[in-house]
Amino acid sequence: MGSDDWGSCSDNEDYFQDRNEDDDEEDCYSSGFLSKLQFRKDISKARWVDDLAMAEVVEKKGKMWVTMGIVRNGNTYCSIEETLFLIEIGALHVLDGNDIHLSLKELYEKLSNGKSGCYWELFEVYKHLRSLGYVVGRHGIPWSVKGQQMKSGTCSLEGSQESNEMLEMEPKDENSVIELFNNMQITDVSPAFNVYLPNSKFRKSSPGDPSFVLYISRCSPPSRVEIEALERKHGAIPFKFCHVENGRVSFFSFAKTELPVLP
């Protein structure tokens, strides 16, 4: 089994622009570390929900919402990586429960507290892929689920009994956001994102199979046993690995190679 280098990408390389977007949307994706906020004419608004560690969108502007956020009972919720990305590109304002504007620094602090199912390297990967124009969603978290409702607009990623009761589900519905996030584990090799090629016909209600599933390799490379297990798990859906070191995002995959038998 040999290594197939899918590509190493640094943050200062060129990025892909989706030419199907309007002119105002073309500035939505930018490469490089976005240390300074960008400013846009059309800005959406969201309210941060601490119990959920996500932002509930209250005012949508722009076409980006076709591929951003998960939908539950008609409401759109952004994960923290989506929230940070949209704030960095100047496309989103986030308020707290008291309608006080949350700064980018405050959202970075929420990322670092470990309650969101995300961490800094994962955010860097997400930002890099979105900057290249890919459609990116959390692996194992459906974009849209019919019948799933937020009773009070909040739920917990920690899965406490009190917070779980806030999530009202249809009978026998096993797609609870809480359960899905609780099942996510940050290990040496863990599934992170479903990645789709840019597609103007993308629909959250029927996204189809991803172009590939992306795994994050935090320490040592995956073993052969792990790779073979993933091949059985995903079947025909490709999967790739990603590693972040010193801000550099690298992607790689493996391919089987038949070596000739030497005499």
C-alpha atoms as a PDB file:
ATOM      1  CA  MET A   1       0.000   0.000   0.000  1.00  0.00           C
ATOM      2  CA  GLY A   2       1.602   3.221  -1.138  1.00  0.00           C
ATOM      3  CA  SER A   3       0.979   6.823  -0.326  1.00  0.00           C
ATOM      4  CA  ASP A   4      -0.832   8.947  -2.895  1.00  0.00           C
ATOM      5  CA  ASP A   5      -0.069  12.597  -2.186  1.00  0.00           C
ATOM      6  CA  TRP A   6      -3.363  14.351  -2.848  1.00  0.00           C
ATOM      7  CA  GLY A   7      -1.833  17.740  -2.310  1.00  0.00           C
ATOM      8  CA  SER A   8      -0.134  19.956   0.206  1.00  0.00           C
ATOM      9  CA  CYS A   9      -1.557  23.419   0.420  1.00  0.00           C
ATOM     10  CA  SER A  10      -0.310  26.478   2.225  1.00  0.00           C
ATOM     11  CA  ASP A  11      -2.537  29.370   3.103  1.00  0.00           C
ATOM     12  CA  ASN A  12      -0.923  31.732   0.603  1.00  0.00           C
ATOM     13  CA  GLU A  13      -1.667  29.633  -2.463  1.00  0.00           C
ATOM     14  CA  ASP A  14      -4.309  30.485  -5.034  1.00  0.00           C
ATOM     15  CA  TYR A  15      -7.852  29.485  -4.292  1.00  0.00           C
ATOM     16  CA  PHE A  16     -10.829  28.363  -6.307  1.00  0.00           C
ATOM     17  CA  GLN A  17     -13.605  30.828  -7.028  1.00  0.00           C
ATOM     18  CA  ASP A  18     -17.129  29.590  -7.724  1.00  0.00           C
ATOM     19  CA  ARG A  19     -18.028  31.575 -10.807  1.00  0.00           C
ATOM     20  CA  ASN A  20     -21.706  30.695 -10.468  1.00  0.00           C
ATOM     21  CA  GLU A  21     -22.082  33.081  -7.537  1.00  0.00           C
ATOM     22  CA  ASP A  22     -23.085  36.711  -7.950  1.00  0.00           C
ATOM     23  CA  ASP A  23     -20.352  39.350  -7.978  1.00  0.00           C
ATOM     24  CA  ASP A  24     -21.105  40.236  -4.370  1.00  0.00           C
ATOM     25  CA  GLU A  25     -20.571  36.626  -3.385  1.00  0.00           C
ATOM     26  CA  GLU A  26     -17.231  36.242  -5.166  1.00  0.00           C
ATOM     27  CA  ASP A  27     -15.486  38.084  -2.341  1.00  0.00           C
ATOM     28  CA  CYS A  28     -16.962  35.631   0.173  1.00  0.00           C
ATOM     29  CA  TYR A  29     -14.045  33.231  -0.050  1.00  0.00           C
ATOM     30  CA  SER A  30     -10.503  34.471   0.382  1.00  0.00           C
ATOM     31  CA  SER A  31      -7.230  32.682   1.005  1.00  0.00           C
ATOM     32  CA  GLY A  32      -4.713  33.513   3.670  1.00  0.00           C
ATOM     33  CA  PHE A  33      -5.010  33.860   7.403  1.00  0.00           C
ATOM     34  CA  LEU A  34      -7.812  36.338   7.948  1.00  0.00           C
ATOM     35  CA  SER A  35      -6.434  38.301  10.878  1.00  0.00           C
ATOM     36  CA  LYS A  36      -8.446  41.363   9.894  1.00  0.00           C
ATOM     37  CA  LEU A  37     -12.188  41.441   9.430  1.00  0.00           C
ATOM     38  CA  GLN A  38     -13.475  42.000   5.929  1.00  0.00           C
ATOM     39  CA  PHE A  39     -16.476  44.212   5.306  1.00  0.00           C
ATOM     40  CA  ARG A  40     -19.437  43.434   3.075  1.00  0.00           C
ATOM     41  CA  LYS A  41     -22.590  45.231   2.056  1.00  0.00           C
ATOM     42  CA  ASP A  42     -24.948  42.368   2.928  1.00  0.00           C
ATOM     43  CA  ILE A  43     -24.416  40.987   6.418  1.00  0.00           C
ATOM     44  CA  SER A  44     -26.455  38.199   8.002  1.00  0.00           C
ATOM     45  CA  LYS A  45     -27.262  38.059  11.711  1.00  0.00           C
ATOM     46  CA  ALA A  46     -27.242  35.179  14.175  1.00  0.00           C
ATOM     47  CA  ARG A  47     -27.690  34.638  17.892  1.00  0.00           C
ATOM     48  CA  TRP A  48     -25.199  32.482  19.797  1.00  0.00           C
ATOM     49  CA  VAL A  49     -26.737  29.635  21.815  1.00  0.00           C
ATOM     50  CA  ASP A  50     -24.369  28.562  24.583  1.00  0.00           C
ATOM     51  CA  ASP A  51     -26.157  25.291  25.383  1.00  0.00           C
ATOM     52  CA  LEU A  52     -25.828  24.228  21.756  1.00  0.00           C
ATOM     53  CA  ALA A  53     -22.447  25.848  21.087  1.00  0.00           C
ATOM     54  CA  MET A  54     -23.853  26.958  17.759  1.00  0.00           C
ATOM     55  CA  ALA A  55     -25.311  30.134  16.287  1.00  0.00           C
ATOM     56  CA  GLU A  56     -28.969  30.318  15.292  1.00  0.00           C
ATOM     57  CA  VAL A  57     -29.359  32.421  12.174  1.00  0.00           C
ATOM     58  CA  VAL A  58     -32.042  35.093  12.551  1.00  0.00           C
ATOM     59  CA  GLU A  59     -31.472  37.077   9.356  1.00  0.00           C
ATOM     60  CA  LYS A  60     -30.096  35.639   6.126  1.00  0.00           C
ATOM     61  CA  LYS A  61     -28.499  37.646   3.350  1.00  0.00           C
ATOM     62  CA  GLY A  62     -26.642  36.288   0.355  1.00  0.00           C
ATOM     63  CA  LYS A  63     -26.503  32.922  -1.407  1.00  0.00           C
ATOM     64  CA  MET A  64     -23.992  31.385   0.978  1.00  0.00           C
ATOM     65  CA  TRP A  65     -26.788  29.849   3.054  1.00  0.00           C
ATOM     66  CA  VAL A  66     -27.448  27.322   0.326  1.00  0.00           C
ATOM     67  CA  THR A  67     -24.321  25.508   1.553  1.00  0.00           C
ATOM     68  CA  MET A  68     -23.904  26.848   5.102  1.00  0.00           C
ATOM     69  CA  GLY A  69     -25.554  25.713   8.326  1.00  0.00           C
ATOM     70  CA  ILE A  70     -27.796  22.797   9.261  1.00  0.00           C
ATOM     71  CA  VAL A  71     -31.579  23.080   9.121  1.00  0.00           C
ATOM     72  CA  ARG A  72     -33.861  21.945  11.918  1.00  0.00           C
ATOM     73  CA  ASN A  73     -37.590  22.726  11.897  1.00  0.00           C
ATOM     74  CA  GLY A  74     -37.060  25.529   9.412  1.00  0.00           C
ATOM     75  CA  ASN A  75     -34.315  27.193  11.467  1.00  0.00           C
ATOM     76  CA  THR A  76     -30.677  27.379  10.393  1.00  0.00           C
ATOM     77  CA  TYR A  77     -27.865  26.731  12.873  1.00  0.00           C
ATOM     78  CA  CYS A  78     -24.163  27.338  12.247  1.00  0.00           C
ATOM     79  CA  SER A  79     -21.394  25.296  13.818  1.00  0.00           C
ATOM     80  CA  ILE A  80     -18.627  27.285  15.435  1.00  0.00           C
ATOM     81  CA  GLU A  81     -16.285  26.781  12.472  1.00  0.00           C
ATOM     82  CA  GLU A  82     -18.952  28.096  10.101  1.00  0.00           C
ATOM     83  CA  THR A  83     -19.667  30.989  12.450  1.00  0.00           C
ATOM     84  CA  LEU A  84     -16.012  31.983  12.714  1.00  0.00           C
ATOM     85  CA  PHE A  85     -15.466  31.700   8.974  1.00  0.00           C
ATOM     86  CA  LEU A  86     -18.450  33.908   8.192  1.00  0.00           C
ATOM     87  CA  ILE A  87     -17.387  36.500  10.760  1.00  0.00           C
ATOM     88  CA  GLU A  88     -13.851  36.565   9.345  1.00  0.00           C
ATOM     89  CA  ILE A  89     -15.119  37.254   5.839  1.00  0.00           C
ATOM     90  CA  GLY A  90     -17.427  39.959   7.176  1.00  0.00           C
ATOM     91  CA  ALA A  91     -20.630  38.103   6.254  1.00  0.00           C
ATOM     92  CA  LEU A  92     -22.109  37.559   9.730  1.00  0.00           C
ATOM     93  CA  HIS A  93     -22.782  39.469  12.933  1.00  0.00           C
ATOM     94  CA  VAL A  94     -23.332  37.346  16.037  1.00  0.00           C
ATOM     95  CA  LEU A  95     -25.247  38.471  19.132  1.00  0.00           C
ATOM     96  CA  ASP A  96     -25.484  36.875  22.554  1.00  0.00           C
ATOM     97  CA  GLY A  97     -28.722  36.181  24.427  1.00  0.00           C
ATOM     98  CA  ASN A  98     -28.898  39.827  25.481  1.00  0.00           C
ATOM     99  CA  ASP A  99     -28.485  41.110  21.910  1.00  0.00           C
ATOM    100  CA  ILE A 100     -24.934  42.252  22.627  1.00  0.00           C
ATOM    101  CA  HIS A 101     -22.517  41.927  19.720  1.00  0.00           C
ATOM    102  CA  LEU A 102     -19.939  39.149  20.159  1.00  0.00           C
ATOM    103  CA  SER A 103     -16.441  39.963  18.966  1.00  0.00           C
ATOM    104  CA  LEU A 104     -14.265  37.620  16.946  1.00  0.00           C
ATOM    105  CA  LYS A 105     -11.991  37.268  19.973  1.00  0.00           C
ATOM    106  CA  GLU A 106     -14.903  36.085  22.113  1.00  0.00           C
ATOM    107  CA  LEU A 107     -15.806  33.473  19.505  1.00  0.00           C
ATOM    108  CA  TYR A 108     -12.188  32.294  19.370  1.00  0.00           C
ATOM    109  CA  GLU A 109     -12.384  31.798  23.139  1.00  0.00           C
ATOM    110  CA  LYS A 110     -15.512  29.687  22.706  1.00  0.00           C
ATOM    111  CA  LEU A 111     -13.605  27.572  20.186  1.00  0.00           C
ATOM    112  CA  SER A 112     -10.798  27.019  22.684  1.00  0.00           C
ATOM    113  CA  ASN A 113     -13.047  25.854  25.530  1.00  0.00           C
ATOM    114  CA  GLY A 114     -13.566  22.475  23.860  1.00  0.00           C
ATOM    115  CA  LYS A 115     -17.376  22.416  24.142  1.00  0.00           C
ATOM    116  CA  SER A 116     -18.171  22.868  20.470  1.00  0.00           C
ATOM    117  CA  GLY A 117     -16.892  19.588  19.037  1.00  0.00           C
ATOM    118  CA  CYS A 118     -14.217  21.595  17.238  1.00  0.00           C
ATOM    119  CA  TYR A 119     -10.646  22.737  17.855  1.00  0.00           C
ATOM    120  CA  TRP A 120      -8.269  25.175  16.206  1.00  0.00           C
ATOM    121  CA  GLU A 121      -6.693  22.785  13.674  1.00  0.00           C
ATOM    122  CA  LEU A 122     -10.136  21.612  12.606  1.00  0.00           C
ATOM    123  CA  PHE A 123     -11.198  25.208  12.042  1.00  0.00           C
ATOM    124  CA  GLU A 124      -8.072  25.835   9.951  1.00  0.00           C
ATOM    125  CA  VAL A 125      -8.948  22.862   7.749  1.00  0.00           C
ATOM    126  CA  TYR A 126     -12.538  24.017   7.368  1.00  0.00           C
ATOM    127  CA  LYS A 127     -11.469  27.563   6.517  1.00  0.00           C
ATOM    128  CA  HIS A 128      -8.944  26.312   3.976  1.00  0.00           C
ATOM    129  CA  LEU A 129     -11.457  24.100   2.175  1.00  0.00           C
ATOM    130  CA  ARG A 130     -14.137  26.784   2.135  1.00  0.00           C
ATOM    131  CA  SER A 131     -11.588  29.278   0.831  1.00  0.00           C
ATOM    132  CA  LEU A 132     -10.939  26.900  -2.061  1.00  0.00           C
ATOM    133  CA  GLY A 133     -14.661  26.856  -2.840  1.00  0.00           C
ATOM    134  CA  TYR A 134     -15.598  23.391  -1.545  1.00  0.00           C
ATOM    135  CA  VAL A 135     -18.902  22.689   0.190  1.00  0.00           C
ATOM    136  CA  VAL A 136     -18.037  21.389   3.654  1.00  0.00           C
ATOM    137  CA  GLY A 137     -20.232  19.829   6.338  1.00  0.00           C
ATOM    138  CA  ARG A 138     -19.579  18.024   9.595  1.00  0.00           C
ATOM    139  CA  HIS A 139     -19.303  14.287   9.056  1.00  0.00           C
ATOM    140  CA  GLY A 140     -22.239  12.455  10.612  1.00  0.00           C
ATOM    141  CA  ILE A 141     -24.359  15.603  11.029  1.00  0.00           C
ATOM    142  CA  PRO A 142     -27.180  15.722   8.431  1.00  0.00           C
ATOM    143  CA  TRP A 143     -27.695  19.022   6.653  1.00  0.00           C
ATOM    144  CA  SER A 144     -31.432  18.725   7.105  1.00  0.00           C
ATOM    145  CA  VAL A 145     -33.616  16.257   9.003  1.00  0.00           C
ATOM    146  CA  LYS A 146     -37.375  16.139   8.575  1.00  0.00           C
ATOM    147  CA  GLY A 147     -39.265  16.186  11.849  1.00  0.00           C
ATOM    148  CA  GLN A 148     -36.387  17.288  14.051  1.00  0.00           C
ATOM    149  CA  GLN A 149     -37.326  20.232  16.234  1.00  0.00           C
ATOM    150  CA  MET A 150     -35.605  22.529  18.689  1.00  0.00           C
ATOM    151  CA  LYS A 151     -38.168  22.897  21.471  1.00  0.00           C
ATOM    152  CA  SER A 152     -36.511  25.914  23.059  1.00  0.00           C
ATOM    153  CA  GLY A 153     -33.980  26.708  20.368  1.00  0.00           C
ATOM    154  CA  THR A 154     -31.181  25.125  22.400  1.00  0.00           C
ATOM    155  CA  CYS A 155     -29.577  21.792  23.057  1.00  0.00           C
ATOM    156  CA  SER A 156     -26.326  20.652  24.569  1.00  0.00           C
ATOM    157  CA  LEU A 157     -23.279  19.104  22.959  1.00  0.00           C
ATOM    158  CA  GLU A 158     -22.351  17.712  26.353  1.00  0.00           C
ATOM    159  CA  GLY A 159     -25.526  15.656  26.533  1.00  0.00           C
ATOM    160  CA  SER A 160     -26.640  16.478  30.093  1.00  0.00           C
ATOM    161  CA  GLN A 161     -30.059  15.130  31.072  1.00  0.00           C
ATOM    162  CA  GLU A 162     -31.487  18.601  31.644  1.00  0.00           C
ATOM    163  CA  SER A 163     -30.309  19.918  28.293  1.00  0.00           C
ATOM    164  CA  ASN A 164     -31.331  16.778  26.420  1.00  0.00           C
ATOM    165  CA  GLU A 165     -34.917  17.377  27.483  1.00  0.00           C
ATOM    166  CA  MET A 166     -34.816  20.672  25.568  1.00  0.00           C
ATOM    167  CA  LEU A 167     -34.598  18.803  22.266  1.00  0.00           C
ATOM    168  CA  GLU A 168     -38.009  17.636  21.092  1.00  0.00           C
ATOM    169  CA  MET A 169     -37.870  14.752  18.661  1.00  0.00           C
ATOM    170  CA  GLU A 170     -40.410  12.797  16.672  1.00  0.00           C
ATOM    171  CA  PRO A 171     -40.891   9.249  18.033  1.00  0.00           C
ATOM    172  CA  LYS A 172     -38.088   6.840  17.118  1.00  0.00           C
ATOM    173  CA  ASP A 173     -36.033   9.622  15.560  1.00  0.00           C
ATOM    174  CA  GLU A 174     -32.406   8.672  16.203  1.00  0.00           C
ATOM    175  CA  ASN A 175     -30.877  11.676  14.485  1.00  0.00           C
ATOM    176  CA  SER A 176     -30.665  13.874  17.561  1.00  0.00           C
ATOM    177  CA  VAL A 177     -28.073  16.608  17.169  1.00  0.00           C
ATOM    178  CA  ILE A 178     -27.012  15.881  20.744  1.00  0.00           C
ATOM    179  CA  GLU A 179     -26.466  12.178  20.083  1.00  0.00           C
ATOM    180  CA  LEU A 180     -24.586  12.875  16.882  1.00  0.00           C
ATOM    181  CA  PHE A 181     -22.212  15.331  18.497  1.00  0.00           C
ATOM    182  CA  ASN A 182     -21.761  13.083  21.537  1.00  0.00           C
ATOM    183  CA  ASN A 183     -20.686  10.265  19.224  1.00  0.00           C
ATOM    184  CA  MET A 184     -17.967  12.426  17.695  1.00  0.00           C
ATOM    185  CA  GLN A 185     -14.581  11.596  19.178  1.00  0.00           C
ATOM    186  CA  ILE A 186     -11.348  13.485  18.739  1.00  0.00           C
ATOM    187  CA  THR A 187      -8.699  10.783  18.346  1.00  0.00           C
ATOM    188  CA  ASP A 188      -5.438  10.442  16.422  1.00  0.00           C
ATOM    189  CA  VAL A 189      -7.460   9.736  13.262  1.00  0.00           C
ATOM    190  CA  SER A 190     -11.066  10.909  13.344  1.00  0.00           C
ATOM    191  CA  PRO A 191     -13.649  11.735  10.652  1.00  0.00           C
ATOM    192  CA  ALA A 192     -14.152  15.470  10.417  1.00  0.00           C
ATOM    193  CA  PHE A 193     -15.945  16.622   7.281  1.00  0.00           C
ATOM    194  CA  ASN A 194     -17.948  15.514   4.283  1.00  0.00           C
ATOM    195  CA  VAL A 195     -16.530  17.478   1.353  1.00  0.00           C
ATOM    196  CA  TYR A 196     -18.405  18.250  -1.870  1.00  0.00           C
ATOM    197  CA  LEU A 197     -17.198  19.875  -5.070  1.00  0.00           C
ATOM    198  CA  PRO A 198     -18.718  23.299  -5.802  1.00  0.00           C
ATOM    199  CA  ASN A 199     -22.175  22.695  -7.235  1.00  0.00           C
ATOM    200  CA  SER A 200     -24.807  25.318  -8.017  1.00  0.00           C
ATOM    201  CA  LYS A 201     -27.485  22.607  -7.711  1.00  0.00           C
ATOM    202  CA  PHE A 202     -26.467  21.543  -4.191  1.00  0.00           C
ATOM    203  CA  ARG A 203     -29.444  20.974  -1.888  1.00  0.00           C
ATOM    204  CA  LYS A 204     -29.283  20.377   1.848  1.00  0.00           C
ATOM    205  CA  SER A 205     -32.361  18.155   1.650  1.00  0.00           C
ATOM    206  CA  SER A 206     -30.610  15.841  -0.824  1.00  0.00           C
ATOM    207  CA  PRO A 207     -26.854  16.506  -0.840  1.00  0.00           C
ATOM    208  CA  GLY A 208     -25.943  13.105  -2.252  1.00  0.00           C
ATOM    209  CA  ASP A 209     -22.687  11.328  -1.509  1.00  0.00           C
ATOM    210  CA  PRO A 210     -19.723  13.559  -0.702  1.00  0.00           C
ATOM    211  CA  SER A 211     -16.802  13.779  -3.081  1.00  0.00           C
ATOM    212  CA  PHE A 212     -14.754  12.463  -0.182  1.00  0.00           C
ATOM    213  CA  VAL A 213     -14.790  12.090   3.588  1.00  0.00           C
ATOM    214  CA  LEU A 214     -11.942  13.911   5.284  1.00  0.00           C
ATOM    215  CA  TYR A 215     -10.151  12.486   8.310  1.00  0.00           C
ATOM    216  CA  ILE A 216      -7.913  14.540  10.561  1.00  0.00           C
ATOM    217  CA  SER A 217      -4.591  12.949  11.485  1.00  0.00           C
ATOM    218  CA  ARG A 218      -3.373  14.730  14.599  1.00  0.00           C
ATOM    219  CA  CYS A 219      -0.316  12.677  15.517  1.00  0.00           C
ATOM    220  CA  SER A 220       1.036   9.601  13.760  1.00  0.00           C
ATOM    221  CA  PRO A 221      -0.147   8.556  10.267  1.00  0.00           C
ATOM    222  CA  PRO A 222      -2.965   5.990  10.118  1.00  0.00           C
ATOM    223  CA  SER A 223      -1.946   2.358  10.238  1.00  0.00           C
ATOM    224  CA  ARG A 224      -2.666  -0.130   7.482  1.00  0.00           C
ATOM    225  CA  VAL A 225      -5.287  -1.784   9.677  1.00  0.00           C
ATOM    226  CA  GLU A 226      -7.054   1.552  10.161  1.00  0.00           C
ATOM    227  CA  ILE A 227      -6.976   2.317   6.440  1.00  0.00           C
ATOM    228  CA  GLU A 228      -8.400  -1.081   5.505  1.00  0.00           C
ATOM    229  CA  ALA A 229     -11.149  -0.651   8.104  1.00  0.00           C
ATOM    230  CA  LEU A 230     -12.048   2.722   6.590  1.00  0.00           C
ATOM    231  CA  GLU A 231     -12.147   1.192   3.108  1.00  0.00           C
ATOM    232  CA  ARG A 232     -14.705  -1.340   4.320  1.00  0.00           C
ATOM    233  CA  LYS A 233     -16.675   1.354   6.126  1.00  0.00           C
ATOM    234  CA  HIS A 234     -16.965   3.850   3.271  1.00  0.00           C
ATOM    235  CA  GLY A 235     -17.177   1.475   0.327  1.00  0.00           C
ATOM    236  CA  ALA A 236     -17.196   3.452  -2.918  1.00  0.00           C
ATOM    237  CA  ILE A 237     -16.950   6.850  -1.208  1.00  0.00           C
ATOM    238  CA  PRO A 238     -13.337   8.098  -1.254  1.00  0.00           C
ATOM    239  CA  PHE A 239     -11.698   9.250   1.943  1.00  0.00           C
ATOM    240  CA  LYS A 240      -8.639  11.377   2.483  1.00  0.00           C
ATOM    241  CA  PHE A 241      -6.483  12.465   5.389  1.00  0.00           C
ATOM    242  CA  CYS A 242      -5.432  15.879   6.532  1.00  0.00           C
ATOM    243  CA  HIS A 243      -2.698  17.091   8.838  1.00  0.00           C
ATOM    244  CA  VAL A 244      -2.109  20.599  10.180  1.00  0.00           C
ATOM    245  CA  GLU A 245       1.311  21.707  11.342  1.00  0.00           C
ATOM    246  CA  ASN A 246       2.384  25.281  12.028  1.00  0.00           C
ATOM    247  CA  GLY A 247      -0.642  26.581  10.151  1.00  0.00           C
ATOM    248  CA  ARG A 248       0.123  24.527   7.026  1.00  0.00           C
ATOM    249  CA  VAL A 249      -2.742  22.304   5.884  1.00  0.00           C
ATOM    250  CA  SER A 250      -1.666  19.134   4.044  1.00  0.00           C
ATOM    251  CA  PHE A 251      -3.863  16.476   2.461  1.00  0.00           C
ATOM    252  CA  PHE A 252      -2.937  12.922   1.546  1.00  0.00           C
ATOM    253  CA  SER A 253      -4.485   9.593   0.631  1.00  0.00           C
ATOM    254  CA  PHE A 254      -3.340   6.008   0.092  1.00  0.00           C
ATOM    255  CA  ALA A 255      -3.562   3.693  -2.894  1.00  0.00           C
ATOM    256  CA  LYS A 256      -2.953  -0.034  -3.173  1.00  0.00           C
ATOM    257  CA  THR A 257       0.097  -0.975  -5.210  1.00  0.00           C
ATOM    258  CA  GLU A 258       0.937  -4.418  -6.542  1.00  0.00           C
ATOM    259  CA  LEU A 259       4.670  -5.049  -6.385  1.00  0.00           C
ATOM    260  CA  PRO A 260       6.148  -7.550  -8.849  1.00  0.00           C
ATOM    261  CA  VAL A 261       7.609 -10.722  -7.407  1.00  0.00           C
ATOM    262  CA  LEU A 262      11.350 -10.702  -7.921  1.00  0.00           C
ATOM    263  CA  PRO A 263      13.029 -13.918  -9.070  1.00  0.00           C
END
